[in-house]
Amino acid sequence: LTEASNLLYGAIFFIGCIVLSRKTGIDPYAVIIKGLFWK
C-alpha cells in the first residue's frame, strides 16, 4: 500500500505536469524539471 501510494503519486505527478503546462501555457519542460526538483 505504501509503495502503491508512491508509484501512484509519481504517475499522477507526470500526468499533472502535462495538465499544468496545458492549462497555464508555461513551458512543459520547466514544469517537469521544477516539479522533480522539489519532490
PDB file of all heavy atoms in Angstrom:
ATOM      1  N   LEU A   1       0.822  -1.211   0.000  1.00  0.00           N
ATOM      2  CA  LEU A   1       0.000   0.000   0.000  1.00  0.00           C
ATOM      3  C   LEU A   1       0.857   1.262   0.000  1.00  0.00           C
ATOM      4  O   LEU A   1       0.568   2.221  -0.732  1.00  0.00           O
ATOM      5  CB  LEU A   1      -0.939  -0.005   1.204  1.00  0.00           C
ATOM      6  CG  LEU A   1      -2.033  -1.086   1.191  1.00  0.00           C
ATOM      7  CD1 LEU A   1      -2.870  -0.998   2.458  1.00  0.00           C
ATOM      8  CD2 LEU A   1      -2.918  -0.959  -0.036  1.00  0.00           C
ATOM      9  N   THR A   2       1.919   1.287   0.821  1.00  0.00           N
ATOM     10  CA  THR A   2       2.769   2.480   0.855  1.00  0.00           C
ATOM     11  C   THR A   2       3.507   2.664  -0.472  1.00  0.00           C
ATOM     12  O   THR A   2       3.642   3.790  -0.972  1.00  0.00           O
ATOM     13  CB  THR A   2       3.778   2.418   2.015  1.00  0.00           C
ATOM     14  OG1 THR A   2       4.567   1.219   1.906  1.00  0.00           O
ATOM     15  CG2 THR A   2       3.070   2.418   3.352  1.00  0.00           C
ATOM     16  N   GLU A   3       4.005   1.578  -1.044  1.00  0.00           N
ATOM     17  CA  GLU A   3       4.689   1.678  -2.333  1.00  0.00           C
ATOM     18  C   GLU A   3       3.705   2.041  -3.445  1.00  0.00           C
ATOM     19  O   GLU A   3       4.049   2.770  -4.378  1.00  0.00           O
ATOM     20  CB  GLU A   3       5.394   0.362  -2.659  1.00  0.00           C
ATOM     21  CG  GLU A   3       6.636   0.089  -1.824  1.00  0.00           C
ATOM     22  CD  GLU A   3       7.739   1.105  -2.059  1.00  0.00           C
ATOM     23  OE1 GLU A   3       7.862   1.613  -3.197  1.00  0.00           O
ATOM     24  OE2 GLU A   3       8.472   1.413  -1.107  1.00  0.00           O
ATOM     25  N   ALA A   4       2.478   1.535  -3.349  1.00  0.00           N
ATOM     26  CA  ALA A   4       1.461   1.880  -4.341  1.00  0.00           C
ATOM     27  C   ALA A   4       1.157   3.379  -4.291  1.00  0.00           C
ATOM     28  O   ALA A   4       0.972   4.024  -5.333  1.00  0.00           O
ATOM     29  CB  ALA A   4       0.190   1.074  -4.113  1.00  0.00           C
ATOM     30  N   SER A   5       1.112   3.933  -3.092  1.00  0.00           N
ATOM     31  CA  SER A   5       0.851   5.367  -2.971  1.00  0.00           C
ATOM     32  C   SER A   5       1.974   6.176  -3.616  1.00  0.00           C
ATOM     33  O   SER A   5       1.735   7.194  -4.280  1.00  0.00           O
ATOM     34  CB  SER A   5       0.687   5.757  -1.502  1.00  0.00           C
ATOM     35  OG  SER A   5       1.894   5.579  -0.784  1.00  0.00           O
ATOM     36  N   ASN A   6       3.218   5.714  -3.440  1.00  0.00           N
ATOM     37  CA  ASN A   6       4.370   6.401  -4.031  1.00  0.00           C
ATOM     38  C   ASN A   6       4.325   6.322  -5.556  1.00  0.00           C
ATOM     39  O   ASN A   6       4.482   7.327  -6.264  1.00  0.00           O
ATOM     40  CB  ASN A   6       5.662   5.774  -3.504  1.00  0.00           C
ATOM     41  CG  ASN A   6       6.899   6.599  -3.851  1.00  0.00           C
ATOM     42  OD1 ASN A   6       6.810   7.619  -4.530  1.00  0.00           O
ATOM     43  ND2 ASN A   6       8.041   6.158  -3.393  1.00  0.00           N
ATOM     44  N   LEU A   7       4.093   5.115  -6.081  1.00  0.00           N
ATOM     45  CA  LEU A   7       4.019   4.937  -7.533  1.00  0.00           C
ATOM     46  C   LEU A   7       2.842   5.701  -8.138  1.00  0.00           C
ATOM     47  O   LEU A   7       2.960   6.321  -9.197  1.00  0.00           O
ATOM     48  CB  LEU A   7       3.885   3.454  -7.868  1.00  0.00           C
ATOM     49  CG  LEU A   7       5.145   2.594  -7.753  1.00  0.00           C
ATOM     50  CD1 LEU A   7       4.791   1.123  -7.859  1.00  0.00           C
ATOM     51  CD2 LEU A   7       6.158   2.972  -8.823  1.00  0.00           C
ATOM     52  N   LEU A   8       1.700   5.656  -7.455  1.00  0.00           N
ATOM     53  CA  LEU A   8       0.520   6.344  -7.965  1.00  0.00           C
ATOM     54  C   LEU A   8       0.731   7.853  -7.976  1.00  0.00           C
ATOM     55  O   LEU A   8       0.341   8.537  -8.926  1.00  0.00           O
ATOM     56  CB  LEU A   8      -0.701   5.995  -7.115  1.00  0.00           C
ATOM     57  CG  LEU A   8      -2.032   6.597  -7.547  1.00  0.00           C
ATOM     58  CD1 LEU A   8      -2.379   6.198  -8.978  1.00  0.00           C
ATOM     59  CD2 LEU A   8      -3.156   6.165  -6.607  1.00  0.00           C
ATOM     60  N   TYR A   9       1.377   8.355  -6.931  1.00  0.00           N
ATOM     61  CA  TYR A   9       1.677   9.785  -6.897  1.00  0.00           C
ATOM     62  C   TYR A   9       2.594  10.147  -8.067  1.00  0.00           C
ATOM     63  O   TYR A   9       2.402  11.179  -8.729  1.00  0.00           O
ATOM     64  CB  TYR A   9       2.339  10.178  -5.584  1.00  0.00           C
ATOM     65  CG  TYR A   9       2.592  11.669  -5.482  1.00  0.00           C
ATOM     66  CD1 TYR A   9       1.597  12.523  -5.014  1.00  0.00           C
ATOM     67  CD2 TYR A   9       3.812  12.216  -5.859  1.00  0.00           C
ATOM     68  CE1 TYR A   9       1.813  13.899  -4.942  1.00  0.00           C
ATOM     69  CE2 TYR A   9       4.043  13.576  -5.790  1.00  0.00           C
ATOM     70  CZ  TYR A   9       3.043  14.410  -5.329  1.00  0.00           C
ATOM     71  OH  TYR A   9       3.258  15.761  -5.259  1.00  0.00           O
ATOM     72  N   GLY A  10       3.612   9.290  -8.340  1.00  0.00           N
ATOM     73  CA  GLY A  10       4.503   9.554  -9.461  1.00  0.00           C
ATOM     74  C   GLY A  10       3.765   9.581 -10.787  1.00  0.00           C
ATOM     75  O   GLY A  10       4.031  10.427 -11.651  1.00  0.00           O
ATOM     76  N   ALA A  11       2.809   8.651 -10.970  1.00  0.00           N
ATOM     77  CA  ALA A  11       2.030   8.609 -12.211  1.00  0.00           C
ATOM     78  C   ALA A  11       1.164   9.859 -12.349  1.00  0.00           C
ATOM     79  O   ALA A  11       1.127  10.495 -13.415  1.00  0.00           O
ATOM     80  CB  ALA A  11       1.161   7.354 -12.230  1.00  0.00           C
ATOM     81  N   ILE A  12       0.454  10.216 -11.277  1.00  0.00           N
ATOM     82  CA  ILE A  12      -0.399  11.401 -11.320  1.00  0.00           C
ATOM     83  C   ILE A  12       0.457  12.663 -11.469  1.00  0.00           C
ATOM     84  O   ILE A  12       0.064  13.622 -12.142  1.00  0.00           O
ATOM     85  CB  ILE A  12      -1.275  11.474 -10.054  1.00  0.00           C
ATOM     86  CG1 ILE A  12      -2.238  10.278 -10.007  1.00  0.00           C
ATOM     87  CG2 ILE A  12      -2.075  12.772 -10.020  1.00  0.00           C
ATOM     88  CD1 ILE A  12      -3.090  10.222  -8.752  1.00  0.00           C
ATOM     89  N   PHE A  13       1.635  12.647 -10.849  1.00  0.00           N
ATOM     90  CA  PHE A  13       2.557  13.783 -10.952  1.00  0.00           C
ATOM     91  C   PHE A  13       2.942  14.033 -12.412  1.00  0.00           C
ATOM     92  O   PHE A  13       2.907  15.173 -12.886  1.00  0.00           O
ATOM     93  CB  PHE A  13       3.802  13.498 -10.107  1.00  0.00           C
ATOM     94  CG  PHE A  13       4.950  14.436 -10.369  1.00  0.00           C
ATOM     95  CD1 PHE A  13       4.999  15.687  -9.770  1.00  0.00           C
ATOM     96  CD2 PHE A  13       5.999  14.068 -11.198  1.00  0.00           C
ATOM     97  CE1 PHE A  13       6.057  16.556 -10.010  1.00  0.00           C
ATOM     98  CE2 PHE A  13       7.056  14.920 -11.448  1.00  0.00           C
ATOM     99  CZ  PHE A  13       7.088  16.170 -10.850  1.00  0.00           C
ATOM    100  N   PHE A  14       3.294  12.973 -13.141  1.00  0.00           N
ATOM    101  CA  PHE A  14       3.704  13.134 -14.536  1.00  0.00           C
ATOM    102  C   PHE A  14       2.540  13.654 -15.385  1.00  0.00           C
ATOM    103  O   PHE A  14       2.702  14.602 -16.165  1.00  0.00           O
ATOM    104  CB  PHE A  14       4.202  11.799 -15.092  1.00  0.00           C
ATOM    105  CG  PHE A  14       4.652  11.871 -16.521  1.00  0.00           C
ATOM    106  CD1 PHE A  14       5.868  12.434 -16.852  1.00  0.00           C
ATOM    107  CD2 PHE A  14       3.838  11.393 -17.540  1.00  0.00           C
ATOM    108  CE1 PHE A  14       6.280  12.514 -18.180  1.00  0.00           C
ATOM    109  CE2 PHE A  14       4.244  11.466 -18.868  1.00  0.00           C
ATOM    110  CZ  PHE A  14       5.471  12.033 -19.188  1.00  0.00           C
ATOM    111  N   ILE A  15       1.369  13.044 -15.208  1.00  0.00           N
ATOM    112  CA  ILE A  15       0.192  13.499 -15.950  1.00  0.00           C
ATOM    113  C   ILE A  15      -0.145  14.937 -15.551  1.00  0.00           C
ATOM    114  O   ILE A  15      -0.489  15.774 -16.392  1.00  0.00           O
ATOM    115  CB  ILE A  15      -0.995  12.566 -15.685  1.00  0.00           C
ATOM    116  CG1 ILE A  15      -0.687  11.150 -16.192  1.00  0.00           C
ATOM    117  CG2 ILE A  15      -2.265  13.095 -16.351  1.00  0.00           C
ATOM    118  CD1 ILE A  15      -1.714  10.109 -15.807  1.00  0.00           C
ATOM    119  N   GLY A  16      -0.021  15.229 -14.248  1.00  0.00           N
ATOM    120  CA  GLY A  16      -0.328  16.570 -13.749  1.00  0.00           C
ATOM    121  C   GLY A  16       0.585  17.633 -14.326  1.00  0.00           C
ATOM    122  O   GLY A  16       0.153  18.767 -14.563  1.00  0.00           O
ATOM    123  N   CYS A  17       1.859  17.297 -14.557  1.00  0.00           N
ATOM    124  CA  CYS A  17       2.774  18.273 -15.148  1.00  0.00           C
ATOM    125  C   CYS A  17       2.331  18.658 -16.548  1.00  0.00           C
ATOM    126  O   CYS A  17       2.405  19.829 -16.936  1.00  0.00           O
ATOM    127  CB  CYS A  17       4.199  17.691 -15.182  1.00  0.00           C
ATOM    128  SG  CYS A  17       5.029  17.657 -13.579  1.00  0.00           S
ATOM    129  N   ILE A  18       1.849  17.684 -17.319  1.00  0.00           N
ATOM    130  CA  ILE A  18       1.357  17.980 -18.665  1.00  0.00           C
ATOM    131  C   ILE A  18       0.084  18.826 -18.589  1.00  0.00           C
ATOM    132  O   ILE A  18      -0.086  19.797 -19.338  1.00  0.00           O
ATOM    133  CB  ILE A  18       1.111  16.671 -19.430  1.00  0.00           C
ATOM    134  CG1 ILE A  18       2.431  15.922 -19.626  1.00  0.00           C
ATOM    135  CG2 ILE A  18       0.460  16.952 -20.785  1.00  0.00           C
ATOM    136  CD1 ILE A  18       2.301  14.591 -20.318  1.00  0.00           C
ATOM    137  N   VAL A  19      -0.814  18.468 -17.656  1.00  0.00           N
ATOM    138  CA  VAL A  19      -2.043  19.238 -17.474  1.00  0.00           C
ATOM    139  C   VAL A  19      -1.711  20.671 -17.076  1.00  0.00           C
ATOM    140  O   VAL A  19      -2.299  21.636 -17.595  1.00  0.00           O
ATOM    141  CB  VAL A  19      -2.945  18.579 -16.418  1.00  0.00           C
ATOM    142  CG1 VAL A  19      -4.113  19.486 -16.052  1.00  0.00           C
ATOM    143  CG2 VAL A  19      -3.467  17.237 -16.919  1.00  0.00           C
ATOM    144  N   LEU A  20      -0.760  20.839 -16.155  1.00  0.00           N
ATOM    145  CA  LEU A  20      -0.385  22.168 -15.683  1.00  0.00           C
ATOM    146  C   LEU A  20       0.147  23.026 -16.822  1.00  0.00           C
ATOM    147  O   LEU A  20      -0.209  24.198 -16.955  1.00  0.00           O
ATOM    148  CB  LEU A  20       0.674  22.045 -14.578  1.00  0.00           C
ATOM    149  CG  LEU A  20       1.180  23.351 -13.954  1.00  0.00           C
ATOM    150  CD1 LEU A  20       0.032  24.097 -13.292  1.00  0.00           C
ATOM    151  CD2 LEU A  20       2.277  23.072 -12.948  1.00  0.00           C
ATOM    152  N   SER A  21       0.990  22.435 -17.669  1.00  0.00           N
ATOM    153  CA  SER A  21       1.540  23.217 -18.777  1.00  0.00           C
ATOM    154  C   SER A  21       0.450  23.591 -19.783  1.00  0.00           C
ATOM    155  O   SER A  21       0.473  24.686 -20.347  1.00  0.00           O
ATOM    156  CB  SER A  21       2.655  22.420 -19.476  1.00  0.00           C
ATOM    157  OG  SER A  21       2.130  21.292 -20.144  1.00  0.00           O
ATOM    158  N   ARG A  22      -0.544  22.691 -19.977  1.00  0.00           N
ATOM    159  CA  ARG A  22      -1.612  22.987 -20.926  1.00  0.00           C
ATOM    160  C   ARG A  22      -2.572  24.040 -20.391  1.00  0.00           C
ATOM    161  O   ARG A  22      -3.103  24.851 -21.145  1.00  0.00           O
ATOM    162  CB  ARG A  22      -2.371  21.703 -21.258  1.00  0.00           C
ATOM    163  CG  ARG A  22      -1.547  20.726 -22.077  1.00  0.00           C
ATOM    164  CD  ARG A  22      -2.295  19.453 -22.400  1.00  0.00           C
ATOM    165  NE  ARG A  22      -1.478  18.558 -23.200  1.00  0.00           N
ATOM    166  CZ  ARG A  22      -1.863  17.373 -23.628  1.00  0.00           C
ATOM    167  NH1 ARG A  22      -3.071  16.921 -23.328  1.00  0.00           N
ATOM    168  NH2 ARG A  22      -1.062  16.627 -24.347  1.00  0.00           N
ATOM    169  N   LYS A  23      -2.794  24.038 -19.109  1.00  0.00           N
ATOM    170  CA  LYS A  23      -3.736  24.996 -18.534  1.00  0.00           C
ATOM    171  C   LYS A  23      -3.131  26.387 -18.369  1.00  0.00           C
ATOM    172  O   LYS A  23      -3.859  27.374 -18.334  1.00  0.00           O
ATOM    173  CB  LYS A  23      -4.224  24.494 -17.172  1.00  0.00           C
ATOM    174  CG  LYS A  23      -5.260  23.385 -17.241  1.00  0.00           C
ATOM    175  CD  LYS A  23      -5.829  23.096 -15.865  1.00  0.00           C
ATOM    176  CE  LYS A  23      -6.971  22.087 -15.932  1.00  0.00           C
ATOM    177  NZ  LYS A  23      -7.579  21.865 -14.615  1.00  0.00           N
ATOM    178  N   THR A  24      -1.818  26.457 -18.253  1.00  0.00           N
ATOM    179  CA  THR A  24      -1.190  27.738 -17.965  1.00  0.00           C
ATOM    180  C   THR A  24      -0.396  28.306 -19.122  1.00  0.00           C
ATOM    181  O   THR A  24      -0.128  29.502 -19.162  1.00  0.00           O
ATOM    182  CB  THR A  24      -0.233  27.603 -16.763  1.00  0.00           C
ATOM    183  OG1 THR A  24       0.813  26.674 -17.104  1.00  0.00           O
ATOM    184  CG2 THR A  24      -0.959  27.123 -15.529  1.00  0.00           C
ATOM    185  N   GLY A  25       0.009  27.444 -20.069  1.00  0.00           N
ATOM    186  CA  GLY A  25       0.852  27.912 -21.151  1.00  0.00           C
ATOM    187  C   GLY A  25       2.313  27.997 -20.778  1.00  0.00           C
ATOM    188  O   GLY A  25       3.131  28.462 -21.569  1.00  0.00           O
ATOM    189  N   ILE A  26       2.679  27.550 -19.572  1.00  0.00           N
ATOM    190  CA  ILE A  26       4.076  27.552 -19.156  1.00  0.00           C
ATOM    191  C   ILE A  26       4.796  26.412 -19.854  1.00  0.00           C
ATOM    192  O   ILE A  26       4.238  25.343 -20.085  1.00  0.00           O
ATOM    193  CB  ILE A  26       4.187  27.411 -17.620  1.00  0.00           C
ATOM    194  CG1 ILE A  26       3.526  28.616 -16.936  1.00  0.00           C
ATOM    195  CG2 ILE A  26       5.628  27.315 -17.173  1.00  0.00           C
ATOM    196  CD1 ILE A  26       3.480  28.516 -15.437  1.00  0.00           C
ATOM    197  N   ASP A  27       6.060  26.633 -20.190  1.00  0.00           N
ATOM    198  CA  ASP A  27       6.874  25.626 -20.866  1.00  0.00           C
ATOM    199  C   ASP A  27       6.809  24.302 -20.113  1.00  0.00           C
ATOM    200  O   ASP A  27       7.132  24.239 -18.930  1.00  0.00           O
ATOM    201  CB  ASP A  27       8.331  26.117 -20.921  1.00  0.00           C
ATOM    202  CG  ASP A  27       9.194  25.268 -21.837  1.00  0.00           C
ATOM    203  OD1 ASP A  27       9.007  24.035 -21.835  1.00  0.00           O
ATOM    204  OD2 ASP A  27      10.047  25.836 -22.525  1.00  0.00           O
ATOM    205  N   PRO A  28       6.369  23.198 -20.761  1.00  0.00           N
ATOM    206  CA  PRO A  28       6.247  21.913 -20.060  1.00  0.00           C
ATOM    207  C   PRO A  28       7.568  21.399 -19.511  1.00  0.00           C
ATOM    208  O   PRO A  28       7.591  20.701 -18.498  1.00  0.00           O
ATOM    209  CB  PRO A  28       5.683  20.970 -21.139  1.00  0.00           C
ATOM    210  CG  PRO A  28       5.965  21.635 -22.438  1.00  0.00           C
ATOM    211  CD  PRO A  28       5.935  23.095 -22.171  1.00  0.00           C
ATOM    212  N   TYR A  29       8.693  21.735 -20.165  1.00  0.00           N
ATOM    213  CA  TYR A  29       9.981  21.286 -19.646  1.00  0.00           C
ATOM    214  C   TYR A  29      10.289  21.960 -18.310  1.00  0.00           C
ATOM    215  O   TYR A  29      10.838  21.340 -17.399  1.00  0.00           O
ATOM    216  CB  TYR A  29      11.100  21.598 -20.645  1.00  0.00           C
ATOM    217  CG  TYR A  29      10.977  20.870 -21.960  1.00  0.00           C
ATOM    218  CD1 TYR A  29      11.659  21.305 -23.084  1.00  0.00           C
ATOM    219  CD2 TYR A  29      10.166  19.741 -22.086  1.00  0.00           C
ATOM    220  CE1 TYR A  29      11.548  20.635 -24.304  1.00  0.00           C
ATOM    221  CE2 TYR A  29      10.046  19.071 -23.287  1.00  0.00           C
ATOM    222  CZ  TYR A  29      10.742  19.524 -24.392  1.00  0.00           C
ATOM    223  OH  TYR A  29      10.626  18.859 -25.583  1.00  0.00           O
ATOM    224  N   ALA A  30       9.932  23.230 -18.210  1.00  0.00           N
ATOM    225  CA  ALA A  30      10.142  23.933 -16.947  1.00  0.00           C
ATOM    226  C   ALA A  30       9.274  23.347 -15.846  1.00  0.00           C
ATOM    227  O   ALA A  30       9.708  23.194 -14.701  1.00  0.00           O
ATOM    228  CB  ALA A  30       9.830  25.430 -17.115  1.00  0.00           C
ATOM    229  N   VAL A  31       8.041  22.980 -16.191  1.00  0.00           N
ATOM    230  CA  VAL A  31       7.118  22.403 -15.206  1.00  0.00           C
ATOM    231  C   VAL A  31       7.664  21.090 -14.657  1.00  0.00           C
ATOM    232  O   VAL A  31       7.719  20.879 -13.447  1.00  0.00           O
ATOM    233  CB  VAL A  31       5.724  22.191 -15.831  1.00  0.00           C
ATOM    234  CG1 VAL A  31       4.822  21.432 -14.871  1.00  0.00           C
ATOM    235  CG2 VAL A  31       5.089  23.529 -16.191  1.00  0.00           C
ATOM    236  N   ILE A  32       8.091  20.188 -15.543  1.00  0.00           N
ATOM    237  CA  ILE A  32       8.540  18.864 -15.096  1.00  0.00           C
ATOM    238  C   ILE A  32       9.840  18.963 -14.325  1.00  0.00           C
ATOM    239  O   ILE A  32      10.038  18.273 -13.308  1.00  0.00           O
ATOM    240  CB  ILE A  32       8.682  17.900 -16.301  1.00  0.00           C
ATOM    241  CG1 ILE A  32       8.795  16.444 -15.823  1.00  0.00           C
ATOM    242  CG2 ILE A  32       9.857  18.241 -17.163  1.00  0.00           C
ATOM    243  CD1 ILE A  32       7.544  15.833 -15.334  1.00  0.00           C
ATOM    244  N   ILE A  33      10.759  19.821 -14.739  1.00  0.00           N
ATOM    245  CA  ILE A  33      12.044  19.924 -14.053  1.00  0.00           C
ATOM    246  C   ILE A  33      11.875  20.560 -12.682  1.00  0.00           C
ATOM    247  O   ILE A  33      12.448  20.098 -11.687  1.00  0.00           O
ATOM    248  CB  ILE A  33      13.050  20.716 -14.915  1.00  0.00           C
ATOM    249  CG1 ILE A  33      13.452  19.871 -16.128  1.00  0.00           C
ATOM    250  CG2 ILE A  33      14.286  21.091 -14.117  1.00  0.00           C
ATOM    251  CD1 ILE A  33      14.354  20.581 -17.100  1.00  0.00           C
ATOM    252  N   LYS A  34      11.068  21.606 -12.601  1.00  0.00           N
ATOM    253  CA  LYS A  34      10.819  22.214 -11.291  1.00  0.00           C
ATOM    254  C   LYS A  34      10.105  21.242 -10.360  1.00  0.00           C
ATOM    255  O   LYS A  34      10.431  21.148  -9.172  1.00  0.00           O
ATOM    256  CB  LYS A  34       9.977  23.490 -11.453  1.00  0.00           C
ATOM    257  CG  LYS A  34      10.762  24.695 -11.945  1.00  0.00           C
ATOM    258  CD  LYS A  34       9.865  25.926 -11.918  1.00  0.00           C
ATOM    259  CE  LYS A  34      10.646  27.173 -12.281  1.00  0.00           C
ATOM    260  NZ  LYS A  34       9.806  28.392 -12.165  1.00  0.00           N
ATOM    261  N   GLY A  35       9.110  20.530 -10.896  1.00  0.00           N
ATOM    262  CA  GLY A  35       8.382  19.573 -10.076  1.00  0.00           C
ATOM    263  C   GLY A  35       9.274  18.468  -9.552  1.00  0.00           C
ATOM    264  O   GLY A  35       9.229  18.120  -8.366  1.00  0.00           O
ATOM    265  N   LEU A  36      10.108  17.890 -10.415  1.00  0.00           N
ATOM    266  CA  LEU A  36      11.039  16.839  -9.990  1.00  0.00           C
ATOM    267  C   LEU A  36      12.006  17.361  -8.938  1.00  0.00           C
ATOM    268  O   LEU A  36      12.334  16.659  -7.971  1.00  0.00           O
ATOM    269  CB  LEU A  36      11.824  16.315 -11.198  1.00  0.00           C
ATOM    270  CG  LEU A  36      11.079  15.427 -12.192  1.00  0.00           C
ATOM    271  CD1 LEU A  36      11.952  15.158 -13.413  1.00  0.00           C
ATOM    272  CD2 LEU A  36      10.672  14.110 -11.541  1.00  0.00           C
ATOM    273  N   PHE A  37      12.469  18.579  -9.113  1.00  0.00           N
ATOM    274  CA  PHE A  37      13.438  19.151  -8.169  1.00  0.00           C
ATOM    275  C   PHE A  37      12.880  19.194  -6.758  1.00  0.00           C
ATOM    276  O   PHE A  37      13.490  18.686  -5.803  1.00  0.00           O
ATOM    277  CB  PHE A  37      13.834  20.559  -8.624  1.00  0.00           C
ATOM    278  CG  PHE A  37      14.751  21.269  -7.662  1.00  0.00           C
ATOM    279  CD1 PHE A  37      16.110  21.027  -7.671  1.00  0.00           C
ATOM    280  CD2 PHE A  37      14.234  22.175  -6.733  1.00  0.00           C
ATOM    281  CE1 PHE A  37      16.950  21.672  -6.774  1.00  0.00           C
ATOM    282  CE2 PHE A  37      15.067  22.830  -5.833  1.00  0.00           C
ATOM    283  CZ  PHE A  37      16.428  22.575  -5.856  1.00  0.00           C
ATOM    284  N   TRP A  38      11.688  19.774  -6.593  1.00  0.00           N
ATOM    285  CA  TRP A  38      11.141  19.926  -5.245  1.00  0.00           C
ATOM    286  C   TRP A  38      10.684  18.597  -4.663  1.00  0.00           C
ATOM    287  O   TRP A  38      10.872  18.334  -3.472  1.00  0.00           O
ATOM    288  CB  TRP A  38       9.983  20.929  -5.267  1.00  0.00           C
ATOM    289  CG  TRP A  38      10.422  22.327  -5.538  1.00  0.00           C
ATOM    290  CD1 TRP A  38      10.158  23.074  -6.653  1.00  0.00           C
ATOM    291  CD2 TRP A  38      11.241  23.150  -4.698  1.00  0.00           C
ATOM    292  NE1 TRP A  38      10.746  24.297  -6.574  1.00  0.00           N
ATOM    293  CE2 TRP A  38      11.408  24.385  -5.371  1.00  0.00           C
ATOM    294  CE3 TRP A  38      11.827  22.968  -3.455  1.00  0.00           C
ATOM    295  CZ2 TRP A  38      12.151  25.419  -4.838  1.00  0.00           C
ATOM    296  CZ3 TRP A  38      12.572  24.000  -2.916  1.00  0.00           C
ATOM    297  CH2 TRP A  38      12.726  25.211  -3.600  1.00  0.00           C
ATOM    298  N   LYS A  39      10.122  17.729  -5.486  1.00  0.00           N
ATOM    299  CA  LYS A  39       9.669  16.429  -4.980  1.00  0.00           C
ATOM    300  C   LYS A  39      10.840  15.593  -4.487  1.00  0.00           C
ATOM    301  O   LYS A  39      10.803  15.021  -3.382  1.00  0.00           O
ATOM    302  CB  LYS A  39       8.906  15.679  -6.072  1.00  0.00           C
ATOM    303  CG  LYS A  39       8.447  14.277  -5.637  1.00  0.00           C
ATOM    304  CD  LYS A  39       7.735  13.572  -6.770  1.00  0.00           C
ATOM    305  CE  LYS A  39       7.251  12.183  -6.333  1.00  0.00           C
ATOM    306  NZ  LYS A  39       8.375  11.266  -6.096  1.00  0.00           N
TER     307      LYS A  39
END
